[in-house]
All heavy atoms as atom14 arrays in JSON, in Angstrom:
{
  "sequence": "AYTSQICHACNRLGRRDEQAEFVCPHDDCHVTEFQ",
  "atom14_mask": [
    [1, 1, 1, 1, 1, 0, 0, 0, 0, 0, 0, 0, 0, 0],
    [1, 1, 1, 1, 1, 1, 1, 1, 1, 1, 1, 1, 0, 0],
    [1, 1, 1, 1, 1, 1, 1, 0, 0, 0, 0, 0, 0, 0],
    [1, 1, 1, 1, 1, 1, 0, 0, 0, 0, 0, 0, 0, 0],
    [1, 1, 1, 1, 1, 1, 1, 1, 1, 0, 0, 0, 0, 0],
    [1, 1, 1, 1, 1, 1, 1, 1, 0, 0, 0, 0, 0, 0],
    [1, 1, 1, 1, 1, 1, 0, 0, 0, 0, 0, 0, 0, 0],
    [1, 1, 1, 1, 1, 1, 1, 1, 1, 1, 0, 0, 0, 0],
    [1, 1, 1, 1, 1, 0, 0, 0, 0, 0, 0, 0, 0, 0],
    [1, 1, 1, 1, 1, 1, 0, 0, 0, 0, 0, 0, 0, 0],
    [1, 1, 1, 1, 1, 1, 1, 1, 0, 0, 0, 0, 0, 0],
    [1, 1, 1, 1, 1, 1, 1, 1, 1, 1, 1, 0, 0, 0],
    [1, 1, 1, 1, 1, 1, 1, 1, 0, 0, 0, 0, 0, 0],
    [1, 1, 1, 1, 0, 0, 0, 0, 0, 0, 0, 0, 0, 0],
    [1, 1, 1, 1, 1, 1, 1, 1, 1, 1, 1, 0, 0, 0],
    [1, 1, 1, 1, 1, 1, 1, 1, 1, 1, 1, 0, 0, 0],
    [1, 1, 1, 1, 1, 1, 1, 1, 0, 0, 0, 0, 0, 0],
    [1, 1, 1, 1, 1, 1, 1, 1, 1, 0, 0, 0, 0, 0],
    [1, 1, 1, 1, 1, 1, 1, 1, 1, 0, 0, 0, 0, 0],
    [1, 1, 1, 1, 1, 0, 0, 0, 0, 0, 0, 0, 0, 0],
    [1, 1, 1, 1, 1, 1, 1, 1, 1, 0, 0, 0, 0, 0],
    [1, 1, 1, 1, 1, 1, 1, 1, 1, 1, 1, 0, 0, 0],
    [1, 1, 1, 1, 1, 1, 1, 0, 0, 0, 0, 0, 0, 0],
    [1, 1, 1, 1, 1, 1, 0, 0, 0, 0, 0, 0, 0, 0],
    [1, 1, 1, 1, 1, 1, 1, 0, 0, 0, 0, 0, 0, 0],
    [1, 1, 1, 1, 1, 1, 1, 1, 1, 1, 0, 0, 0, 0],
    [1, 1, 1, 1, 1, 1, 1, 1, 0, 0, 0, 0, 0, 0],
    [1, 1, 1, 1, 1, 1, 1, 1, 0, 0, 0, 0, 0, 0],
    [1, 1, 1, 1, 1, 1, 0, 0, 0, 0, 0, 0, 0, 0],
    [1, 1, 1, 1, 1, 1, 1, 1, 1, 1, 0, 0, 0, 0],
    [1, 1, 1, 1, 1, 1, 1, 0, 0, 0, 0, 0, 0, 0],
    [1, 1, 1, 1, 1, 1, 1, 0, 0, 0, 0, 0, 0, 0],
    [1, 1, 1, 1, 1, 1, 1, 1, 1, 0, 0, 0, 0, 0],
    [1, 1, 1, 1, 1, 1, 1, 1, 1, 1, 1, 0, 0, 0],
    [1, 1, 1, 1, 1, 1, 1, 1, 1, 0, 0, 0, 0, 0]
  ],
  "atom14_positions": [
    [[127.72, -126.16, 84.67], [127.84, -125.29, 83.5], [128.99, -125.71, 82.58], [130.12, -125.93, 83.04], [128.03, -123.85, 83.96], [0.0, 0.0, 0.0], [0.0, 0.0, 0.0], [0.0, 0.0, 0.0], [0.0, 0.0, 0.0], [0.0, 0.0, 0.0], [0.0, 0.0, 0.0], [0.0, 0.0, 0.0], [0.0, 0.0, 0.0], [0.0, 0.0, 0.0]],
    [[128.68, -125.84, 81.29], [129.66, -126.04, 80.23], [130.42, -127.37, 80.3], [131.43, -127.53, 79.61], [130.68, -124.9, 80.2], [130.05, -123.54, 79.99], [129.94, -122.64, 81.03], [129.55, -123.17, 78.73], [129.35, -121.4, 80.86], [128.95, -121.94, 78.54], [128.86, -121.05, 79.6], [128.26, -119.84, 79.4], [0.0, 0.0, 0.0], [0.0, 0.0, 0.0]],
    [[129.95, -128.32, 81.1], [130.7, -129.58, 81.18], [130.73, -130.33, 79.85], [131.67, -131.08, 79.58], [130.11, -130.5, 82.26], [128.71, -130.64, 82.04], [130.36, -129.94, 83.65], [0.0, 0.0, 0.0], [0.0, 0.0, 0.0], [0.0, 0.0, 0.0], [0.0, 0.0, 0.0], [0.0, 0.0, 0.0], [0.0, 0.0, 0.0], [0.0, 0.0, 0.0]],
    [[129.72, -130.13, 79.01], [129.69, -130.83, 77.72], [130.26, -129.99, 76.58], [130.34, -130.45, 75.45], [128.25, -131.22, 77.38], [127.44, -130.06, 77.23], [0.0, 0.0, 0.0], [0.0, 0.0, 0.0], [0.0, 0.0, 0.0], [0.0, 0.0, 0.0], [0.0, 0.0, 0.0], [0.0, 0.0, 0.0], [0.0, 0.0, 0.0], [0.0, 0.0, 0.0]],
    [[130.69, -128.74, 76.88], [131.12, -127.83, 75.81], [132.61, -127.51, 75.84], [133.12, -126.9, 74.91], [130.32, -126.52, 75.9], [128.82, -126.72, 75.75], [128.06, -125.43, 75.93], [128.45, -124.4, 75.41], [126.98, -125.47, 76.69], [0.0, 0.0, 0.0], [0.0, 0.0, 0.0], [0.0, 0.0, 0.0], [0.0, 0.0, 0.0], [0.0, 0.0, 0.0]],
    [[133.3, -127.89, 76.92], [134.73, -127.57, 76.99], [135.56, -128.85, 76.93], [135.09, -129.94, 77.25], [135.06, -126.78, 78.28], [134.78, -127.62, 79.52], [134.32, -125.46, 78.32], [135.23, -126.96, 80.81], [0.0, 0.0, 0.0], [0.0, 0.0, 0.0], [0.0, 0.0, 0.0], [0.0, 0.0, 0.0], [0.0, 0.0, 0.0], [0.0, 0.0, 0.0]],
    [[136.78, -128.69, 76.54], [137.71, -129.82, 76.43], [138.26, -130.17, 77.81], [138.69, -129.29, 78.55], [138.85, -129.44, 75.49], [140.14, -130.68, 75.37], [0.0, 0.0, 0.0], [0.0, 0.0, 0.0], [0.0, 0.0, 0.0], [0.0, 0.0, 0.0], [0.0, 0.0, 0.0], [0.0, 0.0, 0.0], [0.0, 0.0, 0.0], [0.0, 0.0, 0.0]],
    [[138.26, -131.44, 78.13], [138.74, -131.87, 79.45], [140.24, -131.68, 79.61], [140.76, -131.61, 80.72], [138.4, -133.35, 79.69], [139.2, -134.29, 78.85], [138.81, -134.68, 77.59], [140.39, -134.92, 79.08], [139.71, -135.51, 77.09], [140.68, -135.68, 77.97], [0.0, 0.0, 0.0], [0.0, 0.0, 0.0], [0.0, 0.0, 0.0], [0.0, 0.0, 0.0]],
    [[140.96, -131.57, 78.47], [142.41, -131.45, 78.53], [142.87, -130.0, 78.66], [143.76, -129.69, 79.46], [143.04, -132.09, 77.3], [0.0, 0.0, 0.0], [0.0, 0.0, 0.0], [0.0, 0.0, 0.0], [0.0, 0.0, 0.0], [0.0, 0.0, 0.0], [0.0, 0.0, 0.0], [0.0, 0.0, 0.0], [0.0, 0.0, 0.0], [0.0, 0.0, 0.0]],
    [[142.26, -129.08, 77.87], [142.72, -127.69, 77.87], [141.72, -126.71, 78.47], [142.02, -125.52, 78.58], [143.1, -127.25, 76.46], [141.69, -127.12, 75.32], [0.0, 0.0, 0.0], [0.0, 0.0, 0.0], [0.0, 0.0, 0.0], [0.0, 0.0, 0.0], [0.0, 0.0, 0.0], [0.0, 0.0, 0.0], [0.0, 0.0, 0.0], [0.0, 0.0, 0.0]],
    [[140.51, -127.21, 78.8], [139.47, -126.38, 79.45], [139.03, -125.19, 78.6], [138.6, -124.17, 79.12], [139.95, -125.87, 80.81], [140.09, -126.99, 81.81], [139.27, -127.89, 81.88], [141.17, -126.96, 82.59], [0.0, 0.0, 0.0], [0.0, 0.0, 0.0], [0.0, 0.0, 0.0], [0.0, 0.0, 0.0], [0.0, 0.0, 0.0], [0.0, 0.0, 0.0]],
    [[139.12, -125.36, 77.28], [138.62, -124.32, 76.38], [137.43, -124.84, 75.58], [137.26, -126.05, 75.42], [139.74, -123.85, 75.43], [140.82, -123.03, 76.14], [141.94, -122.64, 75.19], [142.77, -123.8, 74.85], [143.86, -123.71, 74.07], [144.24, -122.55, 73.57], [144.57, -124.8, 73.81], [0.0, 0.0, 0.0], [0.0, 0.0, 0.0], [0.0, 0.0, 0.0]],
    [[136.62, -123.9, 75.08], [135.42, -124.28, 74.36], [135.75, -125.04, 73.09], [136.67, -124.67, 72.35], [134.59, -123.05, 74.01], [133.81, -122.39, 75.16], [133.18, -121.09, 74.7], [132.74, -123.34, 75.69], [0.0, 0.0, 0.0], [0.0, 0.0, 0.0], [0.0, 0.0, 0.0], [0.0, 0.0, 0.0], [0.0, 0.0, 0.0], [0.0, 0.0, 0.0]],
    [[135.0, -126.11, 72.85], [135.1, -126.86, 71.62], [133.75, -126.88, 70.94], [132.91, -126.01, 71.17], [0.0, 0.0, 0.0], [0.0, 0.0, 0.0], [0.0, 0.0, 0.0], [0.0, 0.0, 0.0], [0.0, 0.0, 0.0], [0.0, 0.0, 0.0], [0.0, 0.0, 0.0], [0.0, 0.0, 0.0], [0.0, 0.0, 0.0], [0.0, 0.0, 0.0]],
    [[133.52, -127.89, 70.12], [132.23, -127.98, 69.44], [131.82, -129.45, 69.32], [132.64, -130.35, 69.45], [132.29, -127.33, 68.06], [133.21, -128.04, 67.07], [133.15, -127.38, 65.69], [133.88, -128.15, 64.71], [135.17, -127.98, 64.43], [135.87, -127.06, 65.08], [135.76, -128.74, 63.51], [0.0, 0.0, 0.0], [0.0, 0.0, 0.0], [0.0, 0.0, 0.0]],
    [[130.53, -129.64, 69.1], [129.99, -130.99, 68.9], [129.32, -131.03, 67.54], [128.17, -130.64, 67.39], [129.01, -131.35, 70.02], [129.68, -131.47, 71.37], [128.71, -131.77, 72.5], [128.12, -133.1, 72.41], [127.51, -133.71, 73.43], [127.43, -133.09, 74.61], [127.01, -134.9, 73.29], [0.0, 0.0, 0.0], [0.0, 0.0, 0.0], [0.0, 0.0, 0.0]],
    [[130.08, -131.49, 66.54], [129.52, -131.59, 65.19], [128.46, -132.68, 65.13], [127.53, -132.62, 64.34], [130.63, -131.89, 64.18], [131.65, -130.75, 64.11], [131.26, -129.59, 64.4], [132.82, -131.02, 63.78], [0.0, 0.0, 0.0], [0.0, 0.0, 0.0], [0.0, 0.0, 0.0], [0.0, 0.0, 0.0], [0.0, 0.0, 0.0], [0.0, 0.0, 0.0]],
    [[128.63, -133.71, 65.96], [127.66, -134.78, 66.09], [127.37, -134.99, 67.56], [128.16, -134.59, 68.43], [128.18, -136.08, 65.45], [128.44, -135.97, 63.96], [128.96, -137.27, 63.38], [128.99, -138.28, 64.13], [129.34, -137.29, 62.2], [0.0, 0.0, 0.0], [0.0, 0.0, 0.0], [0.0, 0.0, 0.0], [0.0, 0.0, 0.0], [0.0, 0.0, 0.0]],
    [[126.24, -135.65, 67.85], [125.81, -135.82, 69.23], [126.85, -136.51, 70.09], [127.1, -136.13, 71.23], [124.49, -136.62, 69.27], [123.99, -136.95, 70.66], [123.61, -135.71, 71.45], [123.26, -134.69, 70.88], [123.67, -135.81, 72.79], [0.0, 0.0, 0.0], [0.0, 0.0, 0.0], [0.0, 0.0, 0.0], [0.0, 0.0, 0.0], [0.0, 0.0, 0.0]],
    [[127.5, -137.52, 69.54], [128.43, -138.32, 70.33], [129.89, -137.92, 70.15], [130.78, -138.6, 70.65], [128.26, -139.8, 69.98], [0.0, 0.0, 0.0], [0.0, 0.0, 0.0], [0.0, 0.0, 0.0], [0.0, 0.0, 0.0], [0.0, 0.0, 0.0], [0.0, 0.0, 0.0], [0.0, 0.0, 0.0], [0.0, 0.0, 0.0], [0.0, 0.0, 0.0]],
    [[130.15, -136.8, 69.44], [131.54, -136.45, 69.13], [131.85, -135.04, 69.6], [131.15, -134.08, 69.27], [131.77, -136.55, 67.62], [133.19, -136.21, 67.19], [133.34, -136.27, 65.68], [133.55, -137.39, 65.17], [133.23, -135.22, 65.04], [0.0, 0.0, 0.0], [0.0, 0.0, 0.0], [0.0, 0.0, 0.0], [0.0, 0.0, 0.0], [0.0, 0.0, 0.0]],
    [[132.91, -134.91, 70.38], [133.4, -133.6, 70.8], [134.68, -133.3, 70.05], [135.58, -134.15, 69.94], [133.67, -133.58, 72.31], [134.3, -132.3, 72.78], [133.52, -131.2, 73.09], [135.68, -132.19, 72.9], [134.09, -130.01, 73.52], [136.26, -131.01, 73.32], [135.46, -129.91, 73.63], [0.0, 0.0, 0.0], [0.0, 0.0, 0.0], [0.0, 0.0, 0.0]],
    [[134.79, -132.08, 69.51], [135.96, -131.68, 68.74], [136.61, -130.48, 69.43], [135.94, -129.47, 69.71], [135.58, -131.29, 67.3], [136.8, -130.77, 66.54], [134.96, -132.47, 66.57], [0.0, 0.0, 0.0], [0.0, 0.0, 0.0], [0.0, 0.0, 0.0], [0.0, 0.0, 0.0], [0.0, 0.0, 0.0], [0.0, 0.0, 0.0], [0.0, 0.0, 0.0]],
    [[137.9, -130.6, 69.72], [138.66, -129.48, 70.27], [139.41, -128.82, 69.1], [140.29, -129.45, 68.51], [139.64, -129.95, 71.34], [140.56, -128.59, 72.1], [0.0, 0.0, 0.0], [0.0, 0.0, 0.0], [0.0, 0.0, 0.0], [0.0, 0.0, 0.0], [0.0, 0.0, 0.0], [0.0, 0.0, 0.0], [0.0, 0.0, 0.0], [0.0, 0.0, 0.0]],
    [[139.1, -127.56, 68.75], [139.68, -126.93, 67.56], [141.04, -126.29, 67.8], [141.61, -125.7, 66.87], [138.64, -125.87, 67.21], [138.07, -125.46, 68.53], [138.1, -126.69, 69.41], [0.0, 0.0, 0.0], [0.0, 0.0, 0.0], [0.0, 0.0, 0.0], [0.0, 0.0, 0.0], [0.0, 0.0, 0.0], [0.0, 0.0, 0.0], [0.0, 0.0, 0.0]],
    [[141.57, -126.38, 69.01], [142.8, -125.66, 69.34], [144.03, -126.51, 68.99], [144.19, -127.64, 69.48], [142.79, -125.29, 70.82], [141.58, -124.5, 71.21], [141.41, -123.18, 70.88], [140.46, -124.88, 71.89], [140.23, -122.75, 71.36], [139.65, -123.77, 71.96], [0.0, 0.0, 0.0], [0.0, 0.0, 0.0], [0.0, 0.0, 0.0], [0.0, 0.0, 0.0]],
    [[144.89, -125.95, 68.17], [146.03, -126.7, 67.65], [147.03, -127.1, 68.73], [147.74, -128.11, 68.58], [146.76, -125.87, 66.57], [145.91, -125.66, 65.34], [145.0, -126.49, 65.11], [146.13, -124.66, 64.63], [0.0, 0.0, 0.0], [0.0, 0.0, 0.0], [0.0, 0.0, 0.0], [0.0, 0.0, 0.0], [0.0, 0.0, 0.0], [0.0, 0.0, 0.0]],
    [[147.11, -126.31, 69.8], [148.09, -126.62, 70.84], [147.59, -127.63, 71.86], [148.27, -127.92, 72.84], [148.53, -125.33, 71.55], [147.34, -124.6, 72.17], [146.19, -124.88, 71.77], [147.57, -123.75, 73.06], [0.0, 0.0, 0.0], [0.0, 0.0, 0.0], [0.0, 0.0, 0.0], [0.0, 0.0, 0.0], [0.0, 0.0, 0.0], [0.0, 0.0, 0.0]],
    [[146.38, -128.17, 71.65], [145.82, -129.19, 72.55], [145.99, -130.56, 71.91], [145.77, -130.73, 70.7], [144.34, -128.91, 72.82], [143.56, -130.14, 73.91], [0.0, 0.0, 0.0], [0.0, 0.0, 0.0], [0.0, 0.0, 0.0], [0.0, 0.0, 0.0], [0.0, 0.0, 0.0], [0.0, 0.0, 0.0], [0.0, 0.0, 0.0], [0.0, 0.0, 0.0]],
    [[146.38, -131.55, 72.71], [146.6, -132.89, 72.16], [145.31, -133.61, 71.82], [145.33, -134.64, 71.15], [147.42, -133.74, 73.14], [146.66, -134.12, 74.38], [146.62, -133.32, 75.51], [145.9, -135.2, 74.67], [145.88, -133.9, 76.42], [145.44, -135.05, 75.95], [0.0, 0.0, 0.0], [0.0, 0.0, 0.0], [0.0, 0.0, 0.0], [0.0, 0.0, 0.0]],
    [[144.16, -133.07, 72.26], [142.86, -133.68, 71.95], [142.34, -133.08, 70.65], [142.29, -131.86, 70.49], [141.84, -133.43, 73.08], [140.46, -133.9, 72.64], [142.27, -134.16, 74.34], [0.0, 0.0, 0.0], [0.0, 0.0, 0.0], [0.0, 0.0, 0.0], [0.0, 0.0, 0.0], [0.0, 0.0, 0.0], [0.0, 0.0, 0.0], [0.0, 0.0, 0.0]],
    [[141.99, -133.92, 69.7], [141.33, -133.44, 68.48], [139.87, -133.85, 68.5], [138.98, -133.01, 68.5], [142.03, -134.01, 67.23], [142.11, -135.46, 67.35], [143.43, -133.45, 67.09], [0.0, 0.0, 0.0], [0.0, 0.0, 0.0], [0.0, 0.0, 0.0], [0.0, 0.0, 0.0], [0.0, 0.0, 0.0], [0.0, 0.0, 0.0], [0.0, 0.0, 0.0]],
    [[139.6, -135.16, 68.53], [138.24, -135.66, 68.65], [138.16, -136.57, 69.87], [139.1, -137.3, 70.19], [137.83, -136.43, 67.39], [137.78, -135.57, 66.14], [137.37, -136.38, 64.93], [137.14, -137.6, 65.09], [137.28, -135.81, 63.83], [0.0, 0.0, 0.0], [0.0, 0.0, 0.0], [0.0, 0.0, 0.0], [0.0, 0.0, 0.0], [0.0, 0.0, 0.0]],
    [[137.0, -136.52, 70.54], [136.82, -137.33, 71.75], [135.35, -137.68, 71.87], [134.47, -136.94, 71.41], [137.26, -136.51, 72.99], [137.87, -137.34, 74.08], [139.2, -137.73, 74.04], [137.11, -137.73, 75.18], [139.77, -138.49, 75.05], [137.65, -138.5, 76.2], [139.0, -138.88, 76.13], [0.0, 0.0, 0.0], [0.0, 0.0, 0.0], [0.0, 0.0, 0.0]],
    [[135.06, -138.83, 72.45], [133.67, -139.19, 72.7], [133.05, -138.14, 73.62], [133.56, -137.86, 74.71], [133.59, -140.59, 73.34], [132.33, -141.36, 73.04], [131.1, -140.87, 73.82], [131.24, -140.23, 74.85], [129.92, -141.18, 73.33], [0.0, 0.0, 0.0], [0.0, 0.0, 0.0], [0.0, 0.0, 0.0], [0.0, 0.0, 0.0], [0.0, 0.0, 0.0]]
  ]
}
């Protein structure tokens, strides 16, 4: 469950604007965009 929808760094929900791109919208997380 949710392995493709949460950020691996902060474990919070992000979004996928494109199929191959994961975006973490949380400012306090060092991840912004990730494959």
